[in-house]
């Protein structure tokens, strides 16, 4: 973690206590400001909770998304732990999500508290492949490094592999300080469906279907589990051109173009 924590160590004097650029650096362009990209594949996709300068959709390789991490704070309790997403290594896997460009130490401090201290996640680096590219994006479509928060099977909240029906029951029963566990699942599924409609995630959508069936069986009203709608995030809004997606080594995703939503 020490290398992660020191990303902005030499630049802290350039930011105030809120992570904003200090007056001494007002002449710097966005590209000159020290920054790092963070990959979101769970609640970060729809509720980052920190300031960022850009958000773009894309994918990482070598992992699959699974709801194998327990949660006893944000989406569950000690008596009824929830289930949230983590990534499991799979050499043929692919996980779609979005990358946020952040500058200054404040956002990283927030993520350390949210993902590591409360969530039980560790930090790694991996390559992120943008979905689209243009002259204005600052990316040619080639992969670039991102920070990745991932649960270790050695952390206290690790739940491990479960059947979909078992996961669904835990999710339907759990609620934490940030809201119902159902909301976490449904908003993530909505993000995938609206922002990346041609990307596959069989585990996520099968789990969503079973949870909706349980809600119907138990007569759980949607209004009782969904909190206030999150603020709409401008993803890929600076992109006007689409690039063909290369699905080399990603046989689980159909070889099609993904449409860019101008929101």
C-alpha atoms as a PDB file:
ATOM      1  CA  UNK A   1       0.000   0.000   0.000  1.00  0.00           C
ATOM      2  CA  UNK A   2       2.922   2.362   0.613  1.00  0.00           C
ATOM      3  CA  UNK A   3       3.490   3.029  -3.100  1.00  0.00           C
ATOM      4  CA  UNK A   4      -0.214   3.720  -3.578  1.00  0.00           C
ATOM      5  CA  UNK A   5      -0.351   6.107  -0.648  1.00  0.00           C
ATOM      6  CA  UNK A   6       2.669   8.026  -1.965  1.00  0.00           C
ATOM      7  CA  UNK A   7       1.297   8.650  -5.465  1.00  0.00           C
ATOM      8  CA  UNK A   8       0.794  12.316  -4.663  1.00  0.00           C
ATOM      9  CA  UNK A   9       3.432  12.558  -1.916  1.00  0.00           C
ATOM     10  CA  UNK A  10       5.563  15.062  -3.810  1.00  0.00           C
ATOM     11  CA  UNK A  11       2.574  17.116  -4.889  1.00  0.00           C
ATOM     12  CA  UNK A  12       0.549  17.598  -1.699  1.00  0.00           C
ATOM     13  CA  UNK A  13       1.547  21.247  -1.455  1.00  0.00           C
ATOM     14  CA  UNK A  14      -0.270  21.842  -4.741  1.00  0.00           C
ATOM     15  CA  UNK A  15      -3.665  21.038  -3.203  1.00  0.00           C
ATOM     16  CA  UNK A  16      -5.697  22.472  -0.375  1.00  0.00           C
ATOM     17  CA  UNK A  17      -7.353  20.443   2.381  1.00  0.00           C
ATOM     18  CA  UNK A  18     -10.207  19.523   0.034  1.00  0.00           C
ATOM     19  CA  UNK A  19      -8.074  18.243  -2.839  1.00  0.00           C
ATOM     20  CA  UNK A  20      -8.573  21.404  -4.888  1.00  0.00           C
ATOM     21  CA  UNK A  21      -5.713  23.011  -6.798  1.00  0.00           C
ATOM     22  CA  UNK A  22      -4.063  25.747  -4.734  1.00  0.00           C
ATOM     23  CA  UNK A  23      -3.679  29.271  -6.081  1.00  0.00           C
ATOM     24  CA  UNK A  24       0.025  28.711  -6.738  1.00  0.00           C
ATOM     25  CA  UNK A  25      -0.836  26.153  -9.376  1.00  0.00           C
ATOM     26  CA  UNK A  26      -3.704  27.907 -11.113  1.00  0.00           C
ATOM     27  CA  UNK A  27      -1.736  28.236 -14.345  1.00  0.00           C
ATOM     28  CA  UNK A  28      -1.294  24.508 -14.774  1.00  0.00           C
ATOM     29  CA  UNK A  29      -3.276  22.755 -17.456  1.00  0.00           C
ATOM     30  CA  UNK A  30      -5.309  19.643 -16.660  1.00  0.00           C
ATOM     31  CA  UNK A  31      -2.669  17.425 -18.264  1.00  0.00           C
ATOM     32  CA  UNK A  32       0.058  18.898 -16.028  1.00  0.00           C
ATOM     33  CA  UNK A  33      -1.783  18.203 -12.779  1.00  0.00           C
ATOM     34  CA  UNK A  34      -0.622  14.940 -11.154  1.00  0.00           C
ATOM     35  CA  UNK A  35      -3.402  12.390 -11.474  1.00  0.00           C
ATOM     36  CA  UNK A  36      -4.246   8.708 -11.320  1.00  0.00           C
ATOM     37  CA  UNK A  37      -7.021   6.587 -12.823  1.00  0.00           C
ATOM     38  CA  UNK A  38      -9.217   4.344 -10.671  1.00  0.00           C
ATOM     39  CA  UNK A  39     -11.301   1.478 -12.080  1.00  0.00           C
ATOM     40  CA  UNK A  40     -14.870   1.086 -10.859  1.00  0.00           C
ATOM     41  CA  UNK A  41     -16.775  -2.177 -11.283  1.00  0.00           C
ATOM     42  CA  UNK A  42     -19.201  -2.095  -8.338  1.00  0.00           C
ATOM     43  CA  UNK A  43     -20.845   0.833  -6.622  1.00  0.00           C
ATOM     44  CA  UNK A  44     -18.178   3.164  -8.035  1.00  0.00           C
ATOM     45  CA  UNK A  45     -19.898   2.749 -11.411  1.00  0.00           C
ATOM     46  CA  UNK A  46     -22.942   4.688 -10.221  1.00  0.00           C
ATOM     47  CA  UNK A  47     -21.901   6.305  -6.944  1.00  0.00           C
ATOM     48  CA  UNK A  48     -18.210   7.294  -6.908  1.00  0.00           C
ATOM     49  CA  UNK A  49     -18.548   9.656  -3.959  1.00  0.00           C
ATOM     50  CA  UNK A  50     -15.462  11.691  -4.904  1.00  0.00           C
ATOM     51  CA  UNK A  51     -14.502  14.433  -7.332  1.00  0.00           C
ATOM     52  CA  UNK A  52     -13.003  13.423 -10.667  1.00  0.00           C
ATOM     53  CA  UNK A  53     -12.021  15.154 -13.875  1.00  0.00           C
ATOM     54  CA  UNK A  54     -13.010  12.467 -16.390  1.00  0.00           C
ATOM     55  CA  UNK A  55     -14.985   9.230 -16.498  1.00  0.00           C
ATOM     56  CA  UNK A  56     -14.711   6.783 -19.385  1.00  0.00           C
ATOM     57  CA  UNK A  57     -16.116   3.321 -19.902  1.00  0.00           C
ATOM     58  CA  UNK A  58     -14.029   0.302 -20.784  1.00  0.00           C
ATOM     59  CA  UNK A  59     -12.811  -3.020 -19.498  1.00  0.00           C
ATOM     60  CA  UNK A  60      -9.996  -4.893 -17.814  1.00  0.00           C
ATOM     61  CA  UNK A  61      -8.762  -8.386 -18.626  1.00  0.00           C
ATOM     62  CA  UNK A  62      -7.929 -11.343 -16.442  1.00  0.00           C
ATOM     63  CA  UNK A  63     -10.804 -10.952 -13.980  1.00  0.00           C
ATOM     64  CA  UNK A  64     -14.492 -11.768 -13.655  1.00  0.00           C
ATOM     65  CA  UNK A  65     -16.977  -9.961 -11.408  1.00  0.00           C
ATOM     66  CA  UNK A  66     -18.443 -12.032  -8.579  1.00  0.00           C
ATOM     67  CA  UNK A  67     -20.601 -11.196  -5.551  1.00  0.00           C
ATOM     68  CA  UNK A  68     -18.340 -13.138  -3.207  1.00  0.00           C
ATOM     69  CA  UNK A  69     -17.394 -10.359  -0.788  1.00  0.00           C
ATOM     70  CA  UNK A  70     -19.400  -9.948   2.391  1.00  0.00           C
ATOM     71  CA  UNK A  71     -20.327  -6.514   3.688  1.00  0.00           C
ATOM     72  CA  UNK A  72     -21.255  -5.646   7.272  1.00  0.00           C
ATOM     73  CA  UNK A  73     -21.264  -1.855   7.003  1.00  0.00           C
ATOM     74  CA  UNK A  74     -22.537  -0.138   3.852  1.00  0.00           C
ATOM     75  CA  UNK A  75     -24.882  -2.881   2.565  1.00  0.00           C
ATOM     76  CA  UNK A  76     -25.312  -5.225   5.512  1.00  0.00           C
ATOM     77  CA  UNK A  77     -24.780  -5.774   9.219  1.00  0.00           C
ATOM     78  CA  UNK A  78     -22.838  -8.208  11.355  1.00  0.00           C
ATOM     79  CA  UNK A  79     -26.044 -10.203  11.910  1.00  0.00           C
ATOM     80  CA  UNK A  80     -27.029 -10.089   8.236  1.00  0.00           C
ATOM     81  CA  UNK A  81     -23.992  -9.473   6.026  1.00  0.00           C
ATOM     82  CA  UNK A  82     -24.696  -8.276   2.519  1.00  0.00           C
ATOM     83  CA  UNK A  83     -22.940  -9.371  -0.653  1.00  0.00           C
ATOM     84  CA  UNK A  84     -21.048  -6.953  -2.890  1.00  0.00           C
ATOM     85  CA  UNK A  85     -18.935  -7.281  -5.998  1.00  0.00           C
ATOM     86  CA  UNK A  86     -15.283  -8.169  -6.131  1.00  0.00           C
ATOM     87  CA  UNK A  87     -13.042  -9.520  -8.859  1.00  0.00           C
ATOM     88  CA  UNK A  88     -11.792 -13.083  -9.190  1.00  0.00           C
ATOM     89  CA  UNK A  89      -8.797 -13.886 -11.342  1.00  0.00           C
ATOM     90  CA  UNK A  90      -9.641 -15.678 -14.595  1.00  0.00           C
ATOM     91  CA  UNK A  91      -7.115 -15.640 -17.417  1.00  0.00           C
ATOM     92  CA  UNK A  92      -9.893 -15.575 -20.032  1.00  0.00           C
ATOM     93  CA  UNK A  93     -12.134 -13.205 -18.114  1.00  0.00           C
ATOM     94  CA  UNK A  94     -13.137  -9.629 -18.869  1.00  0.00           C
ATOM     95  CA  UNK A  95     -14.874  -7.104 -16.635  1.00  0.00           C
ATOM     96  CA  UNK A  96     -16.546  -3.957 -17.920  1.00  0.00           C
ATOM     97  CA  UNK A  97     -16.832  -0.823 -15.836  1.00  0.00           C
ATOM     98  CA  UNK A  98     -15.553   2.735 -15.873  1.00  0.00           C
ATOM     99  CA  UNK A  99     -12.332   4.543 -15.035  1.00  0.00           C
ATOM    100  CA  UNK A 100     -12.206   7.829 -13.138  1.00  0.00           C
ATOM    101  CA  UNK A 101      -9.357  10.298 -13.447  1.00  0.00           C
ATOM    102  CA  UNK A 102      -8.675  11.858 -10.053  1.00  0.00           C
ATOM    103  CA  UNK A 103      -6.137  14.468  -8.972  1.00  0.00           C
ATOM    104  CA  UNK A 104      -4.823  15.146  -5.503  1.00  0.00           C
ATOM    105  CA  UNK A 105      -4.757  12.929  -2.396  1.00  0.00           C
ATOM    106  CA  UNK A 106      -8.274  13.580  -1.121  1.00  0.00           C
ATOM    107  CA  UNK A 107     -10.072  11.069  -3.349  1.00  0.00           C
ATOM    108  CA  UNK A 108      -7.511   8.360  -2.598  1.00  0.00           C
ATOM    109  CA  UNK A 109      -7.918   8.957   1.130  1.00  0.00           C
ATOM    110  CA  UNK A 110     -11.682   8.620   0.706  1.00  0.00           C
ATOM    111  CA  UNK A 111     -11.297   5.390  -1.271  1.00  0.00           C
ATOM    112  CA  UNK A 112      -8.882   3.980   1.293  1.00  0.00           C
ATOM    113  CA  UNK A 113     -11.540   4.488   3.969  1.00  0.00           C
ATOM    114  CA  UNK A 114     -14.458   3.271   1.844  1.00  0.00           C
ATOM    115  CA  UNK A 115     -12.868   0.317   0.065  1.00  0.00           C
ATOM    116  CA  UNK A 116     -10.009  -0.804   2.308  1.00  0.00           C
ATOM    117  CA  UNK A 117     -10.884   0.011   5.917  1.00  0.00           C
ATOM    118  CA  UNK A 118     -14.636  -0.588   5.662  1.00  0.00           C
ATOM    119  CA  UNK A 119     -14.779  -2.942   2.689  1.00  0.00           C
ATOM    120  CA  UNK A 120     -11.767  -5.184   3.237  1.00  0.00           C
ATOM    121  CA  UNK A 121     -10.256  -4.556  -0.209  1.00  0.00           C
ATOM    122  CA  UNK A 122      -6.611  -4.339  -1.237  1.00  0.00           C
ATOM    123  CA  UNK A 123      -5.127  -2.213  -4.020  1.00  0.00           C
ATOM    124  CA  UNK A 124      -3.473  -3.407  -7.203  1.00  0.00           C
ATOM    125  CA  UNK A 125      -2.602  -2.018 -10.625  1.00  0.00           C
ATOM    126  CA  UNK A 126      -3.968  -3.402 -13.876  1.00  0.00           C
ATOM    127  CA  UNK A 127      -4.481  -2.308 -17.496  1.00  0.00           C
ATOM    128  CA  UNK A 128      -7.666  -0.552 -18.564  1.00  0.00           C
ATOM    129  CA  UNK A 129      -8.886  -0.611 -22.166  1.00  0.00           C
ATOM    130  CA  UNK A 130     -11.035   2.411 -23.125  1.00  0.00           C
ATOM    131  CA  UNK A 131     -14.220   1.659 -25.010  1.00  0.00           C
ATOM    132  CA  UNK A 132     -13.889   4.680 -27.304  1.00  0.00           C
ATOM    133  CA  UNK A 133     -11.179   7.118 -28.255  1.00  0.00           C
ATOM    134  CA  UNK A 134     -10.935  10.565 -29.812  1.00  0.00           C
ATOM    135  CA  UNK A 135      -8.497  13.421 -30.095  1.00  0.00           C
ATOM    136  CA  UNK A 136     -10.161  15.150 -27.142  1.00  0.00           C
ATOM    137  CA  UNK A 137     -10.005  12.177 -24.787  1.00  0.00           C
ATOM    138  CA  UNK A 138      -6.261  12.100 -24.413  1.00  0.00           C
ATOM    139  CA  UNK A 139      -6.273   8.380 -25.198  1.00  0.00           C
ATOM    140  CA  UNK A 140      -5.719   6.552 -28.452  1.00  0.00           C
ATOM    141  CA  UNK A 141      -7.642   3.485 -27.368  1.00  0.00           C
ATOM    142  CA  UNK A 142      -4.527   1.786 -26.027  1.00  0.00           C
ATOM    143  CA  UNK A 143      -4.538   0.356 -22.514  1.00  0.00           C
ATOM    144  CA  UNK A 144      -3.286   2.441 -19.611  1.00  0.00           C
ATOM    145  CA  UNK A 145      -2.770   1.627 -15.893  1.00  0.00           C
ATOM    146  CA  UNK A 146      -5.513   2.028 -13.317  1.00  0.00           C
ATOM    147  CA  UNK A 147      -5.808   1.412  -9.603  1.00  0.00           C
ATOM    148  CA  UNK A 148      -7.949  -1.593  -8.821  1.00  0.00           C
ATOM    149  CA  UNK A 149      -9.609  -2.320  -5.479  1.00  0.00           C
ATOM    150  CA  UNK A 150     -10.075  -6.059  -5.088  1.00  0.00           C
ATOM    151  CA  UNK A 151     -11.081  -8.289  -2.179  1.00  0.00           C
ATOM    152  CA  UNK A 152      -8.602 -10.838  -0.919  1.00  0.00           C
ATOM    153  CA  UNK A 153      -9.824 -14.219   0.267  1.00  0.00           C
ATOM    154  CA  UNK A 154      -7.818 -13.543   3.432  1.00  0.00           C
ATOM    155  CA  UNK A 155      -9.895 -10.561   4.553  1.00  0.00           C
ATOM    156  CA  UNK A 156     -12.389 -10.889   7.408  1.00  0.00           C
ATOM    157  CA  UNK A 157     -15.449 -10.258   5.221  1.00  0.00           C
ATOM    158  CA  UNK A 158     -14.626 -12.692   2.438  1.00  0.00           C
ATOM    159  CA  UNK A 159     -17.687 -14.891   1.803  1.00  0.00           C
ATOM    160  CA  UNK A 160     -16.357 -17.011  -1.027  1.00  0.00           C
ATOM    161  CA  UNK A 161     -18.143 -18.889  -3.761  1.00  0.00           C
ATOM    162  CA  UNK A 162     -21.871 -19.440  -3.285  1.00  0.00           C
ATOM    163  CA  UNK A 163     -24.760 -20.554  -5.434  1.00  0.00           C
ATOM    164  CA  UNK A 164     -26.777 -17.818  -7.085  1.00  0.00           C
ATOM    165  CA  UNK A 165     -29.840 -18.621  -4.980  1.00  0.00           C
ATOM    166  CA  UNK A 166     -27.779 -18.373  -1.771  1.00  0.00           C
ATOM    167  CA  UNK A 167     -26.328 -15.034  -2.859  1.00  0.00           C
ATOM    168  CA  UNK A 168     -29.785 -13.758  -3.781  1.00  0.00           C
ATOM    169  CA  UNK A 169     -31.196 -14.650  -0.353  1.00  0.00           C
ATOM    170  CA  UNK A 170     -28.391 -12.816   1.427  1.00  0.00           C
ATOM    171  CA  UNK A 171     -28.912  -9.755  -0.770  1.00  0.00           C
ATOM    172  CA  UNK A 172     -32.668  -9.682  -0.241  1.00  0.00           C
ATOM    173  CA  UNK A 173     -32.224  -9.917   3.536  1.00  0.00           C
ATOM    174  CA  UNK A 174     -29.442  -7.354   3.960  1.00  0.00           C
ATOM    175  CA  UNK A 175     -29.477  -3.630   4.588  1.00  0.00           C
ATOM    176  CA  UNK A 176     -26.659  -1.382   5.817  1.00  0.00           C
ATOM    177  CA  UNK A 177     -25.775   2.237   6.513  1.00  0.00           C
ATOM    178  CA  UNK A 178     -25.778   3.104   2.779  1.00  0.00           C
ATOM    179  CA  UNK A 179     -29.070   1.385   2.013  1.00  0.00           C
ATOM    180  CA  UNK A 180     -30.484  -1.958   0.979  1.00  0.00           C
ATOM    181  CA  UNK A 181     -28.270  -4.576  -0.637  1.00  0.00           C
ATOM    182  CA  UNK A 182     -30.875  -4.969  -3.386  1.00  0.00           C
ATOM    183  CA  UNK A 183     -30.278  -1.379  -4.453  1.00  0.00           C
ATOM    184  CA  UNK A 184     -26.546  -2.053  -4.859  1.00  0.00           C
ATOM    185  CA  UNK A 185     -27.229  -4.978  -7.179  1.00  0.00           C
ATOM    186  CA  UNK A 186     -29.982  -3.360  -9.230  1.00  0.00           C
ATOM    187  CA  UNK A 187     -28.136  -0.081  -9.803  1.00  0.00           C
ATOM    188  CA  UNK A 188     -25.058  -1.971 -10.967  1.00  0.00           C
ATOM    189  CA  UNK A 189     -27.181  -4.040 -13.361  1.00  0.00           C
ATOM    190  CA  UNK A 190     -28.828  -0.839 -14.606  1.00  0.00           C
ATOM    191  CA  UNK A 191     -25.428   0.745 -15.250  1.00  0.00           C
ATOM    192  CA  UNK A 192     -24.385  -2.239 -17.351  1.00  0.00           C
ATOM    193  CA  UNK A 193     -27.661  -2.350 -19.245  1.00  0.00           C
ATOM    194  CA  UNK A 194     -27.767   1.383 -20.029  1.00  0.00           C
ATOM    195  CA  UNK A 195     -24.099   2.214 -20.535  1.00  0.00           C
ATOM    196  CA  UNK A 196     -22.760  -1.068 -21.938  1.00  0.00           C
ATOM    197  CA  UNK A 197     -25.778  -2.804 -23.468  1.00  0.00           C
ATOM    198  CA  UNK A 198     -23.786  -5.238 -25.596  1.00  0.00           C
ATOM    199  CA  UNK A 199     -21.393  -6.356 -22.859  1.00  0.00           C
ATOM    200  CA  UNK A 200     -22.128  -9.679 -21.150  1.00  0.00           C
ATOM    201  CA  UNK A 201     -22.041 -10.380 -17.432  1.00  0.00           C
ATOM    202  CA  UNK A 202     -23.916 -13.633 -16.909  1.00  0.00           C
ATOM    203  CA  UNK A 203     -23.264 -13.771 -13.168  1.00  0.00           C
ATOM    204  CA  UNK A 204     -24.614 -10.270 -12.545  1.00  0.00           C
ATOM    205  CA  UNK A 205     -27.745 -10.622 -14.648  1.00  0.00           C
ATOM    206  CA  UNK A 206     -28.593 -14.122 -13.411  1.00  0.00           C
ATOM    207  CA  UNK A 207     -28.291 -12.859  -9.845  1.00  0.00           C
ATOM    208  CA  UNK A 208     -30.474  -9.865 -10.665  1.00  0.00           C
ATOM    209  CA  UNK A 209     -33.173 -12.142 -12.101  1.00  0.00           C
ATOM    210  CA  UNK A 210     -33.242 -14.395  -9.037  1.00  0.00           C
ATOM    211  CA  UNK A 211     -33.357 -11.402  -6.673  1.00  0.00           C
ATOM    212  CA  UNK A 212     -36.317  -9.948  -8.577  1.00  0.00           C
ATOM    213  CA  UNK A 213     -38.088 -13.310  -8.332  1.00  0.00           C
ATOM    214  CA  UNK A 214     -37.526 -13.397  -4.579  1.00  0.00           C
ATOM    215  CA  UNK A 215     -38.814  -9.832  -4.275  1.00  0.00           C
ATOM    216  CA  UNK A 216     -41.972 -10.818  -6.134  1.00  0.00           C
ATOM    217  CA  UNK A 217     -42.437 -13.968  -4.032  1.00  0.00           C
ATOM    218  CA  UNK A 218     -41.996 -12.035  -0.778  1.00  0.00           C
ATOM    219  CA  UNK A 219     -44.028  -9.070  -2.068  1.00  0.00           C
ATOM    220  CA  UNK A 220     -41.169  -6.615  -1.494  1.00  0.00           C
ATOM    221  CA  UNK A 221     -41.989  -3.267  -3.078  1.00  0.00           C
ATOM    222  CA  UNK A 222     -39.240  -1.609  -5.109  1.00  0.00           C
ATOM    223  CA  UNK A 223     -39.876   1.683  -3.299  1.00  0.00           C
ATOM    224  CA  UNK A 224     -38.855   0.122   0.009  1.00  0.00           C
ATOM    225  CA  UNK A 225     -35.377  -0.925  -1.131  1.00  0.00           C
ATOM    226  CA  UNK A 226     -34.292   1.804  -3.550  1.00  0.00           C
ATOM    227  CA  UNK A 227     -32.877   5.017  -2.152  1.00  0.00           C
ATOM    228  CA  UNK A 228     -32.626   8.400  -3.797  1.00  0.00           C
ATOM    229  CA  UNK A 229     -31.535   8.121  -7.462  1.00  0.00           C
ATOM    230  CA  UNK A 230     -27.823   8.887  -7.847  1.00  0.00           C
ATOM    231  CA  UNK A 231     -26.639  11.890  -9.782  1.00  0.00           C
ATOM    232  CA  UNK A 232     -26.273  11.181 -13.473  1.00  0.00           C
ATOM    233  CA  UNK A 233     -22.637  10.687 -14.423  1.00  0.00           C
ATOM    234  CA  UNK A 234     -21.285  12.091 -17.685  1.00  0.00           C
ATOM    235  CA  UNK A 235     -19.396   9.130 -19.084  1.00  0.00           C
ATOM    236  CA  UNK A 236     -17.619   9.369 -22.422  1.00  0.00           C
ATOM    237  CA  UNK A 237     -19.418  12.696 -22.950  1.00  0.00           C
ATOM    238  CA  UNK A 238     -16.326  14.135 -24.625  1.00  0.00           C
ATOM    239  CA  UNK A 239     -16.215  11.293 -27.130  1.00  0.00           C
ATOM    240  CA  UNK A 240     -17.697  11.706 -30.576  1.00  0.00           C
ATOM    241  CA  UNK A 241     -16.111   8.790 -32.419  1.00  0.00           C
ATOM    242  CA  UNK A 242     -16.276   5.112 -31.678  1.00  0.00           C
ATOM    243  CA  UNK A 243     -13.481   2.632 -32.171  1.00  0.00           C
ATOM    244  CA  UNK A 244     -13.989  -1.035 -33.022  1.00  0.00           C
ATOM    245  CA  UNK A 245     -13.684  -3.172 -29.904  1.00  0.00           C
ATOM    246  CA  UNK A 246     -10.959  -5.803 -29.976  1.00  0.00           C
ATOM    247  CA  UNK A 247     -12.170  -8.939 -28.269  1.00  0.00           C
ATOM    248  CA  UNK A 248      -8.883 -10.769 -28.467  1.00  0.00           C
ATOM    249  CA  UNK A 249      -8.672 -13.143 -25.510  1.00  0.00           C
ATOM    250  CA  UNK A 250     -12.248 -12.208 -24.492  1.00  0.00           C
ATOM    251  CA  UNK A 251     -14.341 -14.968 -25.994  1.00  0.00           C
ATOM    252  CA  UNK A 252     -17.115 -14.444 -23.473  1.00  0.00           C
ATOM    253  CA  UNK A 253     -18.192 -11.170 -25.058  1.00  0.00           C
ATOM    254  CA  UNK A 254     -19.920 -11.045 -28.461  1.00  0.00           C
ATOM    255  CA  UNK A 255     -17.809  -9.384 -31.151  1.00  0.00           C
ATOM    256  CA  UNK A 256     -19.912  -6.297 -31.760  1.00  0.00           C
ATOM    257  CA  UNK A 257     -19.511  -2.548 -31.536  1.00  0.00           C
ATOM    258  CA  UNK A 258     -20.794  -0.874 -28.400  1.00  0.00           C
ATOM    259  CA  UNK A 259     -22.786   2.257 -28.994  1.00  0.00           C
ATOM    260  CA  UNK A 260     -21.657   5.446 -27.297  1.00  0.00           C
ATOM    261  CA  UNK A 261     -24.328   7.177 -25.272  1.00  0.00           C
ATOM    262  CA  UNK A 262     -24.136  10.975 -25.378  1.00  0.00           C
ATOM    263  CA  UNK A 263     -25.706  11.900 -22.076  1.00  0.00           C
END
